[in-house]
């Protein structure tokens, strides 16, 4: 039906487009016409003669060719054109943030790093925060570190299994941690004794069921004496003894570090009740490794730690959530730049020593595993420096709260012994959290301490630009 109609209209148009001799020269809508239905073309328009009351007049017709008819399937012609307000919003492509153009101080602007190294002025020659040699034999970062894990049990603390526990997770995490702190410089080799070996004395005889009590050194020496009846001491640099997996704190309260300058014994620790009944965290022996292999001080408050639960909050009052040598369960386990430097995990080229003039420095996150600069040191006196570094929620600092991410400043004083606060955070104005979780400097923030002004002037993707000047 539609096809026939279309053809009919086409034929009508074809015939009505033929001009006739009777076209009026003044034809206009409403003017008189001769016969109802007569069609006439005039100046490109079609007129039809119609009856209006008693009169016959011309009426301008609508040309069918100019009408637009859409079929139901023609969605393109039937859809309304949206207005500007109806058009879907489009988000412009984000403009990449540009790194700020800042004139940085050059390496030649800084002092020689030897001017920022500290000698030990404290009483402890085994663990401290100086560059001085230690009494203990420490690791050589250029040699593979060979560690023996040796499990033992006792007549009154028998292992439920003769087979050695699986130490793969512990060893891999300790290795991953210290390799990352050294920019992948350190290499490890682990040996695990396959079975438990029985000690001759009872665990009760050592009296190590409370912290810092009993014959802990004798227990360590006896473990090593037994181990080296089966292994050659010269094949190893360090040893980690282990009590049975069922050990409680009441049997072996803690797992201390044992350094050595005696050729009969190696630097060591053992896994006691704090490890086996306290979640088996790899950070406990990793903390002790920092003592017996690297000679680093305890950064926590030793007196508060002896108070148990009542002293827990104040135990970490010196450096808060930062550094595994402060808090093995803290959010910021990464070693500080200073601790990496004194233990030779990073080189002199990765630290800057502030001159008397103003400097502008780019500090990237300390957690990045690379050979770039890790910290800026300001020499204050023979025993004291200030250190500036950048901490981000990356690597072993991934759990750092927002307020602890950014630029931190701390002092190091080698006249203060281990466990008494040889390293202490410098607090910015407005910070009040005892663990410094609100203390990291952000862009535009500054602090003044010990005669120096330290200001964060810009940031780009966790990289911070620091201006250091003498305070007026």
Protein backbone atom coordinates (compact mmCIF):
# COMPACT_ATOMS: atom_id res chain seq x y z
CA UNK A 1 0.00 0.00 0.00
CA UNK A 2 2.77 2.44 0.88
CA UNK A 3 4.57 1.62 -2.37
CA UNK A 4 1.48 2.41 -4.45
CA UNK A 5 0.90 5.69 -2.63
CA UNK A 6 4.49 6.80 -3.22
CA UNK A 7 4.26 6.07 -6.94
CA UNK A 8 0.94 7.94 -7.16
CA UNK A 9 2.38 11.04 -5.52
CA UNK A 10 5.36 10.92 -7.83
CA UNK A 11 3.15 10.75 -10.92
CA UNK A 12 0.98 13.63 -9.68
CA UNK A 13 4.07 15.80 -9.12
CA UNK A 14 5.39 14.86 -12.52
CA UNK A 15 2.29 15.98 -14.28
CA UNK A 16 1.56 19.09 -12.23
CA UNK A 17 5.05 20.44 -12.81
CA UNK A 18 4.23 20.95 -16.52
CA UNK A 19 3.52 24.68 -17.07
CA UNK A 20 0.26 25.82 -18.77
CA UNK A 21 -0.63 28.95 -20.67
CA UNK A 22 -3.36 29.97 -18.18
CA UNK A 23 -1.02 30.95 -15.35
CA UNK A 24 -2.16 34.27 -13.91
CA UNK A 25 0.50 36.87 -13.62
CA UNK A 26 -0.76 38.04 -10.22
CA UNK A 27 -1.67 34.70 -8.59
CA UNK A 28 -1.60 34.99 -4.82
CA UNK A 29 -3.18 33.22 -1.82
CA UNK A 30 -6.84 34.39 -1.49
CA UNK A 31 -7.13 35.61 -5.05
CA UNK A 32 -10.01 34.37 -7.24
CA UNK A 33 -9.60 31.00 -9.02
CA UNK A 34 -11.74 29.39 -11.77
CA UNK A 35 -12.54 25.81 -10.57
CA UNK A 36 -12.34 23.82 -7.32
CA UNK A 37 -9.41 21.40 -7.39
CA UNK A 38 -7.48 23.14 -10.10
CA UNK A 39 -3.74 23.11 -9.42
CA UNK A 40 -1.41 25.78 -10.66
CA UNK A 41 2.37 26.35 -10.22
CA UNK A 42 3.50 29.92 -9.71
CA UNK A 43 7.05 31.11 -8.97
CA UNK A 44 8.09 27.68 -7.69
CA UNK A 45 5.03 27.18 -5.43
CA UNK A 46 1.93 25.06 -5.94
CA UNK A 47 -1.50 26.59 -5.52
CA UNK A 48 -4.86 24.73 -5.29
CA UNK A 49 -8.23 26.23 -6.05
CA UNK A 50 -10.49 25.78 -3.00
CA UNK A 51 -13.96 26.93 -1.95
CA UNK A 52 -14.01 29.46 0.88
CA UNK A 53 -17.66 30.16 1.75
CA UNK A 54 -19.28 31.12 -1.52
CA UNK A 55 -15.97 32.17 -3.14
CA UNK A 56 -13.34 30.13 -5.00
CA UNK A 57 -9.85 31.20 -3.99
CA UNK A 58 -6.26 30.04 -4.41
CA UNK A 59 -4.57 28.36 -1.42
CA UNK A 60 -0.85 27.66 -1.26
CA UNK A 61 -0.28 23.88 -0.97
CA UNK A 62 2.43 22.09 1.08
CA UNK A 63 4.82 20.28 -1.23
CA UNK A 64 4.89 16.53 -0.22
CA UNK A 65 8.46 16.32 -1.37
CA UNK A 66 9.43 18.65 1.43
CA UNK A 67 7.85 16.51 4.18
CA UNK A 68 10.13 14.18 6.16
CA UNK A 69 8.55 10.83 6.98
CA UNK A 70 10.47 8.43 9.24
CA UNK A 71 9.96 4.72 9.38
CA UNK A 72 9.87 2.98 12.78
CA UNK A 73 13.22 1.34 12.03
CA UNK A 74 14.98 4.63 11.26
CA UNK A 75 16.25 5.48 14.73
CA UNK A 76 18.62 8.14 13.44
CA UNK A 77 15.82 10.35 12.12
CA UNK A 78 13.36 9.75 14.94
CA UNK A 79 15.69 10.41 17.87
CA UNK A 80 15.52 13.98 19.18
CA UNK A 81 18.68 16.03 19.10
CA UNK A 82 19.74 16.64 22.70
CA UNK A 83 20.19 20.20 23.81
CA UNK A 84 23.45 21.38 25.33
CA UNK A 85 22.01 20.87 28.81
CA UNK A 86 20.87 17.31 27.94
CA UNK A 87 24.17 16.18 26.37
CA UNK A 88 26.12 13.74 28.54
CA UNK A 89 28.94 15.38 30.46
CA UNK A 90 32.46 14.39 29.49
CA UNK A 91 35.37 14.69 31.90
CA UNK A 92 38.40 16.31 30.33
CA UNK A 93 41.54 14.20 30.34
CA UNK A 94 43.56 14.91 33.49
CA UNK A 95 46.52 17.17 32.92
CA UNK A 96 49.70 15.38 34.10
CA UNK A 97 51.26 17.07 37.10
CA UNK A 98 54.54 18.63 36.13
CA UNK A 99 57.65 18.32 38.26
CA UNK A 100 58.44 21.74 39.69
CA UNK A 101 61.35 23.63 38.24
CA UNK A 102 63.57 24.32 41.24
CA UNK A 103 67.25 25.19 41.32
CA UNK A 104 68.87 22.47 43.46
CA UNK A 105 72.15 22.67 45.29
CA UNK A 106 74.89 20.58 43.69
CA UNK A 107 77.03 17.94 45.38
CA UNK A 108 79.91 20.40 45.46
CA UNK A 109 77.81 22.79 47.57
CA UNK A 110 77.82 20.35 50.49
CA UNK A 111 80.54 19.47 52.97
CA UNK A 112 82.54 16.29 52.74
CA UNK A 113 80.49 13.59 54.50
CA UNK A 114 83.42 12.90 56.86
CA UNK A 115 82.49 16.17 58.59
CA UNK A 116 79.09 14.71 59.51
CA UNK A 117 80.31 11.40 60.93
CA UNK A 118 80.18 10.97 64.70
CA UNK A 119 82.53 9.18 67.06
CA UNK A 120 81.12 7.27 70.01
CA UNK A 121 81.07 9.39 73.16
CA UNK A 122 78.95 6.96 75.16
CA UNK A 123 79.95 4.04 77.39
CA UNK A 124 78.64 1.23 75.18
CA UNK A 125 81.25 0.05 72.69
CA UNK A 126 79.10 -2.85 71.43
CA UNK A 127 75.98 -1.10 70.11
CA UNK A 128 75.68 2.65 69.54
CA UNK A 129 74.84 5.20 66.83
CA UNK A 130 78.35 6.27 65.88
CA UNK A 131 80.68 5.49 63.00
CA UNK A 132 83.25 4.14 65.49
CA UNK A 133 84.36 0.51 65.36
CA UNK A 134 82.46 -1.85 67.68
CA UNK A 135 83.82 -4.44 70.08
CA UNK A 136 81.66 -7.06 68.38
CA UNK A 137 82.45 -8.68 65.05
CA UNK A 138 79.89 -7.32 62.61
CA UNK A 139 78.92 -8.34 59.10
CA UNK A 140 80.99 -7.48 56.06
CA UNK A 141 78.48 -6.04 53.55
CA UNK A 142 80.67 -7.13 50.66
CA UNK A 143 80.57 -10.82 51.62
CA UNK A 144 77.72 -13.33 51.66
CA UNK A 145 76.19 -13.53 55.15
CA UNK A 146 76.12 -17.18 56.29
CA UNK A 147 73.54 -17.97 58.97
CA UNK A 148 72.84 -21.27 60.76
CA UNK A 149 69.41 -21.90 62.31
CA UNK A 150 69.77 -24.56 65.01
CA UNK A 151 66.66 -25.82 66.92
CA UNK A 152 67.08 -27.34 70.40
CA UNK A 153 64.79 -28.71 73.10
CA UNK A 154 65.27 -29.53 76.77
CA UNK A 155 64.55 -32.35 79.22
CA UNK A 156 61.68 -30.25 80.63
CA UNK A 157 60.69 -28.60 77.33
CA UNK A 158 60.47 -31.33 74.71
CA UNK A 159 59.57 -30.52 71.12
CA UNK A 160 56.33 -32.19 69.95
CA UNK A 161 58.13 -33.09 66.72
CA UNK A 162 61.69 -34.17 66.13
CA UNK A 163 61.71 -32.39 62.76
CA UNK A 164 62.82 -28.80 62.54
CA UNK A 165 60.06 -26.20 62.09
CA UNK A 166 59.67 -24.57 58.69
CA UNK A 167 61.83 -21.45 58.82
CA UNK A 168 61.46 -20.56 55.13
CA UNK A 169 59.13 -17.61 55.76
CA UNK A 170 61.28 -16.23 58.58
CA UNK A 171 64.53 -16.44 56.65
CA UNK A 172 63.09 -15.03 53.42
CA UNK A 173 61.53 -12.03 55.17
CA UNK A 174 64.66 -11.17 57.13
CA UNK A 175 66.65 -11.44 53.92
CA UNK A 176 64.17 -9.34 51.92
CA UNK A 177 64.16 -6.67 54.61
CA UNK A 178 67.92 -6.22 54.89
CA UNK A 179 68.49 -6.51 51.16
CA UNK A 180 66.02 -3.67 50.62
CA UNK A 181 67.69 -1.53 53.29
CA UNK A 182 71.02 -1.94 51.52
CA UNK A 183 69.81 -1.33 47.97
CA UNK A 184 70.13 -5.08 47.31
CA UNK A 185 73.76 -5.00 48.35
CA UNK A 186 73.55 -7.73 51.03
CA UNK A 187 73.49 -11.41 50.10
CA UNK A 188 72.50 -14.28 52.41
CA UNK A 189 73.04 -18.01 52.68
CA UNK A 190 70.90 -19.98 55.14
CA UNK A 191 71.47 -23.41 56.65
CA UNK A 192 68.73 -25.03 58.79
CA UNK A 193 69.47 -28.07 60.96
CA UNK A 194 66.88 -30.71 59.95
CA UNK A 195 66.06 -31.94 63.48
CA UNK A 196 65.98 -30.80 67.10
CA UNK A 197 68.98 -31.54 69.30
CA UNK A 198 68.49 -32.16 73.03
CA UNK A 199 70.23 -29.83 75.49
CA UNK A 200 71.74 -31.47 78.58
CA UNK A 201 70.34 -28.91 81.10
CA UNK A 202 66.71 -28.12 81.83
CA UNK A 203 65.31 -24.81 80.64
CA UNK A 204 64.32 -24.08 84.24
CA UNK A 205 67.95 -24.21 85.31
CA UNK A 206 68.74 -21.13 83.20
CA UNK A 207 66.10 -18.99 84.95
CA UNK A 208 65.15 -17.07 81.82
CA UNK A 209 61.42 -16.97 82.43
CA UNK A 210 61.34 -13.22 82.96
CA UNK A 211 62.83 -10.44 80.89
CA UNK A 212 66.46 -9.45 81.47
CA UNK A 213 66.80 -12.17 84.06
CA UNK A 214 68.65 -15.45 84.39
CA UNK A 215 71.62 -16.87 82.54
CA UNK A 216 70.75 -15.77 79.00
CA UNK A 217 74.40 -15.63 77.91
CA UNK A 218 75.04 -19.11 79.26
CA UNK A 219 71.99 -20.42 77.39
CA UNK A 220 73.30 -18.88 74.16
CA UNK A 221 76.80 -20.28 74.68
CA UNK A 222 75.45 -23.77 75.44
CA UNK A 223 73.33 -23.73 72.27
CA UNK A 224 76.38 -22.78 70.21
CA UNK A 225 78.62 -25.38 71.89
CA UNK A 226 76.08 -28.05 70.97
CA UNK A 227 75.58 -26.75 67.42
CA UNK A 228 79.28 -26.81 66.64
CA UNK A 229 79.60 -30.43 67.58
CA UNK A 230 77.62 -31.01 64.38
CA UNK A 231 78.69 -28.10 62.22
CA UNK A 232 81.94 -26.25 61.60
CA UNK A 233 81.96 -22.82 63.19
CA UNK A 234 84.12 -21.42 60.39
CA UNK A 235 81.32 -22.09 57.88
CA UNK A 236 79.08 -19.45 59.46
CA UNK A 237 79.01 -15.81 60.45
CA UNK A 238 75.97 -15.87 62.74
CA UNK A 239 73.67 -18.38 64.40
CA UNK A 240 69.98 -18.33 65.40
CA UNK A 241 69.02 -20.93 68.00
CA UNK A 242 65.41 -21.98 68.43
CA UNK A 243 63.42 -23.41 71.30
CA UNK A 244 60.43 -25.70 70.56
CA UNK A 245 57.31 -24.23 68.96
CA UNK A 246 55.39 -24.76 72.23
CA UNK A 247 57.69 -22.47 74.25
CA UNK A 248 55.94 -19.86 76.42
CA UNK A 249 57.16 -16.55 77.84
CA UNK A 250 57.20 -18.15 81.28
CA UNK A 251 59.85 -20.58 80.03
CA UNK A 252 61.92 -18.20 77.83
CA UNK A 253 60.67 -14.65 78.21
CA UNK A 254 62.62 -12.93 75.45
CA UNK A 255 64.93 -13.46 72.51
CA UNK A 256 67.93 -11.14 73.03
CA UNK A 257 70.95 -10.46 70.84
CA UNK A 258 74.42 -11.77 71.62
CA UNK A 259 77.37 -10.10 69.99
CA UNK A 260 80.80 -11.62 70.10
CA UNK A 261 84.48 -10.80 69.82
CA UNK A 262 85.38 -14.28 71.08
CA UNK A 263 86.51 -16.71 68.41
CA UNK A 264 84.62 -19.50 70.16
CA UNK A 265 81.23 -17.87 69.59
CA UNK A 266 79.32 -16.12 66.83
CA UNK A 267 76.93 -13.20 66.93
CA UNK A 268 73.57 -14.74 67.70
CA UNK A 269 70.01 -14.73 68.97
CA UNK A 270 67.53 -17.46 69.80
CA UNK A 271 63.76 -17.78 69.33
CA UNK A 272 62.07 -17.92 72.71
CA UNK A 273 58.57 -17.56 74.09
CA UNK A 274 58.11 -14.02 72.79
CA UNK A 275 58.57 -15.40 69.27
CA UNK A 276 56.71 -18.73 69.45
CA UNK A 277 53.78 -17.58 71.60
CA UNK A 278 53.68 -14.00 70.37
CA UNK A 279 52.72 -14.45 66.71
CA UNK A 280 56.02 -15.77 65.31
CA UNK A 281 56.90 -12.40 63.79
CA UNK A 282 60.06 -12.28 61.67
CA UNK A 283 60.62 -8.73 62.95
CA UNK A 284 61.79 -10.03 66.36
CA UNK A 285 64.94 -11.80 65.08
CA UNK A 286 65.34 -9.05 62.44
CA UNK A 287 65.53 -6.48 65.26
CA UNK A 288 68.16 -8.56 67.08
CA UNK A 289 70.10 -8.94 63.82
CA UNK A 290 70.42 -5.15 63.85
CA UNK A 291 72.28 -5.49 67.16
CA UNK A 292 74.55 -8.52 66.74
CA UNK A 293 75.30 -8.08 63.01
CA UNK A 294 75.16 -4.29 62.57
CA UNK A 295 75.96 -2.90 66.04
CA UNK A 296 72.92 -0.54 66.15
CA UNK A 297 71.46 0.74 69.43
CA UNK A 298 67.97 0.14 70.78
CA UNK A 299 65.93 3.24 70.01
CA UNK A 300 63.06 2.52 72.40
CA UNK A 301 62.95 3.62 76.05
CA UNK A 302 64.40 0.70 78.00
CA UNK A 303 63.02 1.83 81.38
CA UNK A 304 59.45 2.05 80.06
CA UNK A 305 59.77 -1.37 78.43
CA UNK A 306 60.44 -2.91 81.85
CA UNK A 307 57.07 -1.65 83.14
CA UNK A 308 55.10 -4.01 80.94
CA UNK A 309 51.69 -2.87 79.76
CA UNK A 310 51.70 0.33 81.82
CA UNK A 311 54.86 1.53 80.08
CA UNK A 312 53.95 0.43 76.57
CA UNK A 313 52.91 3.83 75.20
CA UNK A 314 55.98 5.65 76.51
CA UNK A 315 58.27 2.84 75.35
CA UNK A 316 58.34 4.36 71.85
CA UNK A 317 58.40 8.02 72.88
CA UNK A 318 61.76 8.81 71.23
CA UNK A 319 61.19 7.83 67.59
CA UNK A 320 57.51 6.83 67.53
CA UNK A 321 56.44 4.53 64.71
CA UNK A 322 59.78 4.69 62.86
CA UNK A 323 62.60 2.11 62.60
CA UNK A 324 62.60 -1.59 63.44
CA UNK A 325 65.34 -0.90 66.01
CA UNK A 326 62.76 1.13 67.90
CA UNK A 327 59.60 -0.94 67.49
CA UNK A 328 59.54 -4.38 65.87
CA UNK A 329 55.75 -4.10 65.61
CA UNK A 330 55.58 -0.50 64.41
CA UNK A 331 54.09 0.86 61.20
CA UNK A 332 57.39 2.24 59.88
CA UNK A 333 59.87 -0.64 60.01
CA UNK A 334 62.37 0.80 57.53
CA UNK A 335 65.71 1.72 59.08
CA UNK A 336 66.41 5.43 59.28
CA UNK A 337 68.95 6.88 56.88
CA UNK A 338 71.38 7.35 59.77
CA UNK A 339 71.18 3.71 60.89
CA UNK A 340 71.76 2.53 57.33
CA UNK A 341 74.78 4.79 57.03
CA UNK A 342 76.54 3.83 60.27
CA UNK A 343 76.01 0.12 59.54
CA UNK A 344 77.46 0.47 56.01
CA UNK A 345 74.25 -0.59 54.30
CA UNK A 346 74.50 2.59 52.21
CA UNK A 347 77.56 4.48 51.04
CA UNK A 348 78.85 7.97 51.83
CA UNK A 349 77.57 9.12 48.43
CA UNK A 350 74.00 8.48 49.59
CA UNK A 351 74.18 11.04 52.40
CA UNK A 352 74.59 14.82 52.19
CA UNK A 353 76.39 16.97 54.80
CA UNK A 354 74.93 20.47 55.22
CA UNK A 355 77.30 23.44 54.74
CA UNK A 356 76.99 26.81 56.49
CA UNK A 357 75.09 28.24 53.51
CA UNK A 358 71.46 27.69 52.51
CA UNK A 359 70.77 24.56 50.45
CA UNK A 360 67.85 23.25 48.41
CA UNK A 361 67.70 19.47 48.20
CA UNK A 362 65.47 16.85 46.57
CA UNK A 363 64.80 13.92 48.91
CA UNK A 364 63.08 10.87 47.46
CA UNK A 365 61.35 8.25 49.65
CA UNK A 366 63.88 6.34 51.74
CA UNK A 367 61.93 3.14 51.01
CA UNK A 368 62.91 3.17 47.31
CA UNK A 369 65.45 0.41 46.65
CA UNK A 370 68.14 2.33 44.80
CA UNK A 371 71.50 4.05 45.17
CA UNK A 372 70.13 7.60 45.45
CA UNK A 373 70.52 10.05 48.33
CA UNK A 374 68.71 8.86 51.49
CA UNK A 375 69.26 11.70 53.93
CA UNK A 376 70.67 15.14 54.70
CA UNK A 377 72.81 15.52 57.84
CA UNK A 378 73.35 18.80 59.70
CA UNK A 379 76.42 18.75 61.97
CA UNK A 380 75.72 20.38 65.34
CA UNK A 381 78.56 19.36 67.67
CA UNK A 382 81.14 16.65 68.25
CA UNK A 383 78.42 14.29 69.51
CA UNK A 384 75.27 15.56 67.78
CA UNK A 385 73.74 15.86 64.32
CA UNK A 386 70.29 16.50 62.90
CA UNK A 387 69.09 14.25 60.08
CA UNK A 388 66.38 14.94 57.49
CA UNK A 389 64.75 12.19 55.43
CA UNK A 390 61.58 11.45 53.47
CA UNK A 391 59.19 8.66 54.56
CA UNK A 392 56.39 7.36 52.32
CA UNK A 393 53.88 4.52 52.71
CA UNK A 394 56.00 2.18 50.60
CA UNK A 395 58.09 -0.95 51.10
CA UNK A 396 58.30 -1.95 54.76
CA UNK A 397 56.68 1.40 55.65
CA UNK A 398 53.46 0.54 53.78
CA UNK A 399 51.36 0.86 56.95
CA UNK A 400 52.53 4.38 57.84
CA UNK A 401 49.56 6.64 58.68
CA UNK A 402 49.15 9.79 56.58
CA UNK A 403 50.40 12.07 59.35
CA UNK A 404 53.65 10.11 59.53
CA UNK A 405 54.29 10.34 55.77
CA UNK A 406 56.49 13.17 54.58
CA UNK A 407 59.69 14.79 55.78
CA UNK A 408 60.92 13.85 59.25
CA UNK A 409 63.72 15.44 61.27
CA UNK A 410 65.54 13.78 64.17
CA UNK A 411 68.63 14.27 66.29
CA UNK A 412 71.38 11.73 66.95
CA UNK A 413 73.54 12.06 70.08
CA UNK A 414 76.31 9.50 70.55
CA UNK A 415 76.77 10.62 74.15
CA UNK A 416 73.45 8.91 74.98
CA UNK A 417 73.60 5.13 75.38
CA UNK A 418 71.35 2.47 73.87
CA UNK A 419 67.82 2.41 75.26
CA UNK A 420 68.08 5.97 76.63
CA UNK A 421 67.14 7.96 73.54
CA UNK A 422 70.26 8.34 71.37
CA UNK A 423 67.91 9.17 68.47
CA UNK A 424 64.94 11.49 69.01
CA UNK A 425 62.37 12.98 66.64
CA UNK A 426 62.11 16.76 66.40
CA UNK A 427 58.50 17.79 66.86
CA UNK A 428 56.89 20.37 64.56
CA UNK A 429 54.50 23.01 65.85
CA UNK A 430 51.03 21.54 66.40
CA UNK A 431 52.17 17.92 66.71
CA UNK A 432 51.04 16.18 69.90
CA UNK A 433 50.89 12.44 69.18
CA UNK A 434 53.34 10.55 71.41
CA UNK A 435 54.34 8.28 68.50
CA UNK A 436 54.73 11.19 66.02
CA UNK A 437 51.92 10.03 63.76
CA UNK A 438 51.03 13.69 63.10
CA UNK A 439 54.53 15.06 62.82
CA UNK A 440 55.83 14.63 59.24
CA UNK A 441 56.35 17.91 57.39
CA UNK A 442 54.24 18.55 54.29
CA UNK A 443 54.57 21.25 51.60
CA UNK A 444 54.65 24.73 53.13
CA UNK A 445 55.47 23.45 56.62
CA UNK A 446 58.69 24.12 58.48
CA UNK A 447 60.41 23.80 61.81
CA UNK A 448 63.34 25.47 63.51
CA UNK A 449 65.68 23.54 65.80
CA UNK A 450 69.25 23.88 67.04
CA UNK A 451 69.82 27.02 64.98
CA UNK A 452 68.52 25.72 61.65
CA UNK A 453 65.33 26.29 59.70
CA UNK A 454 64.02 23.34 57.68
CA UNK A 455 61.20 23.97 55.19
CA UNK A 456 59.40 21.81 52.64
CA UNK A 457 58.99 24.02 49.58
CA UNK A 458 57.55 21.62 46.97
CA UNK A 459 56.51 18.04 46.28
CA UNK A 460 56.15 15.77 43.27
CA UNK A 461 54.86 12.19 43.52
CA UNK A 462 56.25 11.62 47.06
CA UNK A 463 59.50 13.43 46.26
CA UNK A 464 60.07 16.44 48.52
CA UNK A 465 62.13 19.59 47.96
CA UNK A 466 63.75 20.81 51.17
CA UNK A 467 65.28 24.18 51.97
CA UNK A 468 67.71 24.28 54.89
CA UNK A 469 69.13 27.55 56.21
CA UNK A 470 70.62 29.06 59.33
CA UNK A 471 67.82 30.36 61.52
CA UNK A 472 67.82 34.14 61.88
